[in-house]
Protein backbone atom coordinates (compact mmCIF):
# COMPACT_ATOMS: atom_id res chain seq x y z
CA MET A 1 121.38 161.10 229.14
CA ARG A 2 120.67 157.38 229.19
CA ARG A 3 118.04 157.67 226.48
CA ALA A 4 120.34 159.66 224.22
CA GLY A 5 123.21 157.26 224.90
CA LEU A 6 121.12 154.18 224.17
CA SER A 7 119.71 155.76 221.04
CA ILE A 8 123.16 155.71 219.41
CA PRO A 9 123.74 151.93 219.21
CA ASN A 10 120.03 151.25 218.72
CA ASN A 11 119.92 153.43 215.60
CA ILE A 12 123.16 151.91 214.29
CA ALA A 13 121.70 148.44 214.72
CA GLU A 14 118.41 149.39 213.12
CA GLY A 15 120.21 151.04 210.22
CA ALA A 16 122.37 147.96 209.68
CA GLY A 17 119.21 145.90 209.39
CA ARG A 18 117.73 148.05 206.63
CA ASN A 19 117.87 147.03 203.01
CA THR A 20 118.21 150.37 201.27
CA LEU A 21 121.18 152.69 201.50
CA ARG A 22 118.87 155.63 202.07
CA ASP A 23 117.30 153.96 205.12
CA ARG A 24 120.70 153.03 206.53
CA ALA A 25 122.02 156.55 206.05
CA ASN A 26 118.95 157.98 207.79
CA PHE A 27 119.47 155.84 210.90
CA TYR A 28 123.21 156.64 211.01
CA THR A 29 122.28 160.33 210.84
CA ILE A 30 119.86 159.90 213.72
CA ALA A 31 122.59 158.13 215.71
CA LYS A 32 124.94 161.05 215.05
CA GLY A 33 122.26 163.44 216.28
CA SER A 34 122.02 161.42 219.48
CA VAL A 35 125.77 161.81 219.95
CA TYR A 36 125.37 165.58 219.69
CA GLU A 37 122.45 165.45 222.10
CA SER A 38 124.63 163.57 224.59
CA VAL A 39 127.41 166.12 224.20
CA ASN A 40 124.95 168.93 224.86
CA ILE A 41 123.84 167.25 228.08
CA LEU A 42 127.48 166.80 229.10
CA LYS A 43 128.14 170.49 228.48
CA LEU A 44 125.17 171.42 230.66
CA LEU A 45 126.40 169.13 233.45
CA GLU A 46 129.86 170.65 233.18
CA ARG A 47 128.59 174.21 233.14
CA LEU A 48 126.22 173.68 236.07
CA LYS A 49 128.92 171.74 237.96
CA ILE A 50 126.36 169.05 238.76
CA GLU A 51 128.80 166.16 238.39
CA ASN A 52 132.43 166.65 239.43
CA ASP A 53 133.65 163.07 239.04
CA ILE A 54 133.31 163.03 235.26
CA ASP A 55 136.28 163.52 232.93
CA PHE A 56 134.46 165.69 230.42
CA ASN A 57 137.43 165.98 228.04
CA ASP A 58 137.60 162.20 227.75
CA LEU A 59 133.88 162.00 227.02
CA TYR A 60 134.10 164.75 224.40
CA ASN A 61 136.97 162.88 222.73
CA ARG A 62 134.94 159.68 222.73
CA ALA A 63 131.97 161.50 221.20
CA GLU A 64 134.21 162.82 218.42
CA GLU A 65 135.49 159.30 217.80
CA ILE A 66 131.95 157.93 217.60
CA CYS A 67 131.04 160.64 215.08
CA ARG A 68 134.08 159.68 212.98
CA MET A 69 133.02 156.03 213.11
CA LEU A 70 129.48 156.94 212.06
CA TYR A 71 130.87 159.00 209.20
CA GLY A 72 132.96 155.98 208.16
CA LEU A 73 129.90 153.74 208.28
CA SER A 74 127.94 156.12 206.11
CA GLN A 75 130.78 156.35 203.57
CA ARG A 76 131.08 152.55 203.19
CA MET A 77 127.57 152.26 201.81
């Protein structure tokens, strides 16, 4: 979960540092994939009832917001 979570801002940063629009878009797409990977892990935790102290609905809403922000970033190019 940590690796997937850290991959999101790392790919955004790396994409922002690229010169071509194609490279930037690729890294934003990878970041979005990491969001989905994180959501999948959250769903597994929820289903297996491994962690009860987590507000899963809040985390899902945050993941949706991050995906919207990534979409906005990719559209501004």
